[in-house]
Amino acid sequence: MCSRACYPSGNEVSVLKQSVTTLTNKIADLEQDLDNANQYSRRHCVIVSNVPENSDESTDDIILNIAKESGSNIILSDIDRSPQKWTTKKE
């Protein structure tokens, strides 16, 4: 059996509760900061789908052609990256 010394005092419990509250608030703040950072990084992302492509084609050229056809005047330096989206295995 555990003697009374095994249990924290009321003051220790109070300190631990305050610590948990502080850490919980810090986690919430960090999660919000992360969400804000992710949202900022996504603000320029465009996903293009259902466009036929070959493995030897330049995805940058595909994007530039789509932009031109839609009346946009972007240039190659406006594109950060345009990786091919490879088909994944169906589960």
N, C-alpha and C. Protein backbone atom coordinates (compact mmCIF):
# COMPACT_ATOMS: atom_id res chain seq x y z
N MET A 1 0.83 -1.19 0.00
CA MET A 1 0.00 0.00 0.00
C MET A 1 0.87 1.25 0.00
N CYS A 2 0.32 2.26 -0.53
CA CYS A 2 1.04 3.53 -0.61
C CYS A 2 0.68 4.38 0.60
N SER A 3 1.69 4.91 1.22
CA SER A 3 1.44 5.79 2.37
C SER A 3 1.03 7.17 1.86
N ARG A 4 0.69 8.03 2.75
CA ARG A 4 0.26 9.38 2.41
C ARG A 4 1.35 10.14 1.63
N ALA A 5 2.59 9.77 1.81
CA ALA A 5 3.71 10.43 1.13
C ALA A 5 3.70 10.20 -0.38
N CYS A 6 2.98 9.18 -0.84
CA CYS A 6 2.90 8.88 -2.27
C CYS A 6 2.04 9.89 -3.02
N TYR A 7 1.14 10.55 -2.34
CA TYR A 7 0.19 11.45 -2.99
C TYR A 7 0.71 12.89 -2.94
N PRO A 8 0.53 13.63 -4.04
CA PRO A 8 1.00 15.02 -4.03
C PRO A 8 0.15 15.88 -3.10
N SER A 9 0.75 16.91 -2.57
CA SER A 9 0.01 17.83 -1.71
C SER A 9 -0.91 18.70 -2.56
N GLY A 10 -1.82 19.38 -1.91
CA GLY A 10 -2.74 20.28 -2.62
C GLY A 10 -2.00 21.34 -3.40
N ASN A 11 -0.91 21.84 -2.85
CA ASN A 11 -0.11 22.85 -3.53
C ASN A 11 0.55 22.28 -4.78
N GLU A 12 1.06 21.06 -4.67
CA GLU A 12 1.69 20.41 -5.83
C GLU A 12 0.67 20.18 -6.94
N VAL A 13 -0.53 19.76 -6.56
CA VAL A 13 -1.60 19.54 -7.54
C VAL A 13 -1.94 20.85 -8.23
N SER A 14 -2.03 21.91 -7.46
CA SER A 14 -2.35 23.22 -8.01
C SER A 14 -1.27 23.67 -9.00
N VAL A 15 -0.02 23.47 -8.64
CA VAL A 15 1.09 23.84 -9.53
C VAL A 15 1.03 23.01 -10.81
N LEU A 16 0.76 21.72 -10.68
CA LEU A 16 0.68 20.85 -11.85
C LEU A 16 -0.49 21.23 -12.75
N LYS A 17 -1.64 21.56 -12.16
CA LYS A 17 -2.80 21.99 -12.95
C LYS A 17 -2.47 23.27 -13.73
N GLN A 18 -1.80 24.19 -13.07
CA GLN A 18 -1.42 25.44 -13.74
C GLN A 18 -0.44 25.16 -14.88
N SER A 19 0.47 24.24 -14.66
CA SER A 19 1.43 23.86 -15.69
C SER A 19 0.72 23.24 -16.89
N VAL A 20 -0.23 22.36 -16.63
CA VAL A 20 -1.00 21.73 -17.71
C VAL A 20 -1.78 22.78 -18.48
N THR A 21 -2.40 23.72 -17.79
CA THR A 21 -3.16 24.78 -18.44
C THR A 21 -2.24 25.64 -19.32
N THR A 22 -1.09 26.00 -18.79
CA THR A 22 -0.12 26.80 -19.54
C THR A 22 0.35 26.06 -20.79
N LEU A 23 0.68 24.79 -20.64
CA LEU A 23 1.15 24.00 -21.78
C LEU A 23 0.05 23.78 -22.80
N THR A 24 -1.18 23.57 -22.34
CA THR A 24 -2.32 23.40 -23.25
C THR A 24 -2.52 24.66 -24.07
N ASN A 25 -2.45 25.81 -23.43
CA ASN A 25 -2.58 27.08 -24.15
C ASN A 25 -1.44 27.28 -25.15
N LYS A 26 -0.24 26.91 -24.74
CA LYS A 26 0.92 27.03 -25.63
C LYS A 26 0.76 26.14 -26.86
N ILE A 27 0.27 24.92 -26.66
CA ILE A 27 0.03 24.01 -27.78
C ILE A 27 -1.00 24.60 -28.72
N ALA A 28 -2.08 25.15 -28.18
CA ALA A 28 -3.12 25.76 -29.02
C ALA A 28 -2.54 26.92 -29.83
N ASP A 29 -1.71 27.74 -29.19
CA ASP A 29 -1.07 28.86 -29.90
C ASP A 29 -0.15 28.36 -31.01
N LEU A 30 0.63 27.32 -30.72
CA LEU A 30 1.54 26.77 -31.73
C LEU A 30 0.78 26.14 -32.89
N GLU A 31 -0.33 25.45 -32.58
CA GLU A 31 -1.14 24.86 -33.65
C GLU A 31 -1.71 25.95 -34.54
N GLN A 32 -2.14 27.06 -33.95
CA GLN A 32 -2.67 28.18 -34.73
C GLN A 32 -1.56 28.80 -35.58
N ASP A 33 -0.39 28.98 -34.99
CA ASP A 33 0.75 29.52 -35.75
C ASP A 33 1.11 28.61 -36.93
N LEU A 34 1.11 27.30 -36.70
CA LEU A 34 1.41 26.35 -37.76
C LEU A 34 0.36 26.42 -38.87
N ASP A 35 -0.90 26.48 -38.48
CA ASP A 35 -1.97 26.58 -39.47
C ASP A 35 -1.83 27.87 -40.28
N ASN A 36 -1.52 28.96 -39.61
CA ASN A 36 -1.32 30.23 -40.31
C ASN A 36 -0.14 30.15 -41.28
N ALA A 37 0.94 29.54 -40.85
CA ALA A 37 2.12 29.39 -41.71
C ALA A 37 1.80 28.51 -42.91
N ASN A 38 1.10 27.42 -42.68
CA ASN A 38 0.73 26.53 -43.78
C ASN A 38 -0.21 27.24 -44.75
N GLN A 39 -1.15 28.00 -44.23
CA GLN A 39 -2.07 28.72 -45.09
C GLN A 39 -1.31 29.74 -45.94
N TYR A 40 -0.34 30.41 -45.35
CA TYR A 40 0.47 31.38 -46.09
C TYR A 40 1.23 30.70 -47.22
N SER A 41 1.78 29.53 -46.94
CA SER A 41 2.56 28.83 -47.97
C SER A 41 1.68 28.26 -49.07
N ARG A 42 0.40 28.02 -48.77
CA ARG A 42 -0.51 27.47 -49.77
C ARG A 42 -1.17 28.53 -50.63
N ARG A 43 -1.00 29.79 -50.31
CA ARG A 43 -1.78 30.81 -50.99
C ARG A 43 -1.45 30.94 -52.47
N HIS A 44 -0.30 30.47 -52.91
CA HIS A 44 0.07 30.57 -54.32
C HIS A 44 0.00 29.22 -55.03
N CYS A 45 -0.48 28.20 -54.36
CA CYS A 45 -0.50 26.87 -54.95
C CYS A 45 -1.74 26.69 -55.83
N VAL A 46 -1.52 26.11 -56.97
CA VAL A 46 -2.60 25.75 -57.88
C VAL A 46 -2.38 24.30 -58.28
N ILE A 47 -3.42 23.51 -58.16
CA ILE A 47 -3.34 22.11 -58.56
C ILE A 47 -4.08 21.96 -59.88
N VAL A 48 -3.39 21.44 -60.87
CA VAL A 48 -3.98 21.22 -62.19
C VAL A 48 -4.15 19.73 -62.36
N SER A 49 -5.36 19.32 -62.71
CA SER A 49 -5.61 17.89 -62.87
C SER A 49 -6.34 17.62 -64.18
N ASN A 50 -6.40 16.35 -64.52
CA ASN A 50 -7.08 15.88 -65.74
C ASN A 50 -6.47 16.47 -67.01
N VAL A 51 -5.17 16.67 -66.99
CA VAL A 51 -4.46 17.14 -68.17
C VAL A 51 -3.54 16.02 -68.62
N PRO A 52 -3.77 15.49 -69.84
CA PRO A 52 -2.90 14.41 -70.31
C PRO A 52 -1.45 14.89 -70.42
N GLU A 53 -0.54 14.00 -70.08
CA GLU A 53 0.88 14.36 -70.18
C GLU A 53 1.70 13.11 -70.46
N ASN A 54 2.86 13.33 -71.01
CA ASN A 54 3.82 12.26 -71.22
C ASN A 54 4.96 12.46 -70.24
N SER A 55 5.68 11.38 -69.96
CA SER A 55 6.77 11.49 -68.99
C SER A 55 7.90 12.39 -69.48
N ASP A 56 8.01 12.58 -70.80
CA ASP A 56 9.09 13.42 -71.32
C ASP A 56 8.65 14.87 -71.55
N GLU A 57 7.42 15.20 -71.18
CA GLU A 57 6.90 16.55 -71.35
C GLU A 57 7.32 17.45 -70.19
N SER A 58 7.47 18.71 -70.46
CA SER A 58 7.77 19.68 -69.42
C SER A 58 6.45 20.13 -68.78
N THR A 59 6.31 19.87 -67.50
CA THR A 59 5.09 20.29 -66.82
C THR A 59 5.01 21.82 -66.76
N ASP A 60 6.15 22.48 -66.75
CA ASP A 60 6.14 23.95 -66.79
C ASP A 60 5.48 24.43 -68.08
N ASP A 61 5.83 23.79 -69.21
CA ASP A 61 5.25 24.18 -70.49
C ASP A 61 3.74 23.93 -70.51
N ILE A 62 3.32 22.83 -69.91
CA ILE A 62 1.89 22.53 -69.84
C ILE A 62 1.17 23.64 -69.08
N ILE A 63 1.71 24.02 -67.94
CA ILE A 63 1.10 25.07 -67.12
C ILE A 63 1.09 26.40 -67.87
N LEU A 64 2.18 26.73 -68.52
CA LEU A 64 2.24 27.98 -69.28
C LEU A 64 1.20 27.99 -70.41
N ASN A 65 1.02 26.86 -71.10
CA ASN A 65 0.02 26.78 -72.17
C ASN A 65 -1.39 26.93 -71.62
N ILE A 66 -1.67 26.28 -70.50
CA ILE A 66 -3.00 26.40 -69.89
C ILE A 66 -3.25 27.86 -69.49
N ALA A 67 -2.24 28.48 -68.90
CA ALA A 67 -2.38 29.88 -68.47
C ALA A 67 -2.62 30.79 -69.68
N LYS A 68 -1.87 30.55 -70.75
CA LYS A 68 -2.02 31.37 -71.96
C LYS A 68 -3.42 31.21 -72.54
N GLU A 69 -3.91 29.96 -72.60
CA GLU A 69 -5.24 29.69 -73.14
C GLU A 69 -6.34 30.33 -72.30
N SER A 70 -6.07 30.51 -71.02
CA SER A 70 -7.09 31.10 -70.15
C SER A 70 -6.94 32.62 -70.03
N GLY A 71 -5.98 33.18 -70.76
CA GLY A 71 -5.82 34.63 -70.77
C GLY A 71 -4.87 35.18 -69.72
N SER A 72 -4.18 34.31 -69.03
CA SER A 72 -3.22 34.76 -68.01
C SER A 72 -1.88 35.04 -68.68
N ASN A 73 -1.15 35.97 -68.13
CA ASN A 73 0.14 36.31 -68.73
C ASN A 73 1.30 35.95 -67.80
N ILE A 74 1.27 34.74 -67.24
CA ILE A 74 2.38 34.32 -66.39
C ILE A 74 3.56 33.92 -67.26
N ILE A 75 4.73 34.00 -66.66
CA ILE A 75 5.95 33.58 -67.35
C ILE A 75 6.61 32.49 -66.53
N LEU A 76 7.59 31.85 -67.12
CA LEU A 76 8.24 30.70 -66.48
C LEU A 76 8.74 31.02 -65.08
N SER A 77 9.28 32.20 -64.88
CA SER A 77 9.82 32.54 -63.55
C SER A 77 8.73 32.70 -62.49
N ASP A 78 7.47 32.76 -62.91
CA ASP A 78 6.36 32.82 -61.95
C ASP A 78 6.07 31.45 -61.33
N ILE A 79 6.57 30.40 -61.95
CA ILE A 79 6.30 29.04 -61.49
C ILE A 79 7.43 28.59 -60.56
N ASP A 80 7.07 28.27 -59.32
CA ASP A 80 8.08 27.77 -58.38
C ASP A 80 8.47 26.35 -58.74
N ARG A 81 7.47 25.50 -58.92
CA ARG A 81 7.71 24.11 -59.31
C ARG A 81 6.42 23.53 -59.85
N SER A 82 6.55 22.54 -60.70
CA SER A 82 5.37 21.90 -61.28
C SER A 82 5.64 20.41 -61.45
N PRO A 83 5.71 19.71 -60.33
CA PRO A 83 6.01 18.27 -60.42
C PRO A 83 4.84 17.49 -61.00
N GLN A 84 5.18 16.38 -61.63
CA GLN A 84 4.13 15.49 -62.11
C GLN A 84 3.51 14.79 -60.92
N LYS A 85 2.23 14.60 -60.99
CA LYS A 85 1.54 13.85 -59.94
C LYS A 85 1.42 12.42 -60.44
N TRP A 86 2.20 11.53 -59.82
CA TRP A 86 2.18 10.14 -60.25
C TRP A 86 0.99 9.44 -59.65
N THR A 87 0.42 8.53 -60.40
CA THR A 87 -0.72 7.76 -59.92
C THR A 87 -0.26 6.83 -58.82
N THR A 88 -1.01 6.80 -57.74
CA THR A 88 -0.68 5.92 -56.62
C THR A 88 -1.46 4.62 -56.74
N LYS A 89 -1.00 3.61 -56.04
CA LYS A 89 -1.70 2.33 -56.04
C LYS A 89 -3.08 2.49 -55.45
N LYS A 90 -4.03 1.81 -56.04
CA LYS A 90 -5.37 1.81 -55.46
C LYS A 90 -5.39 0.83 -54.32
N GLU A 91 -5.98 1.28 -53.23
CA GLU A 91 -6.00 0.42 -52.05
C GLU A 91 -7.22 -0.46 -52.05
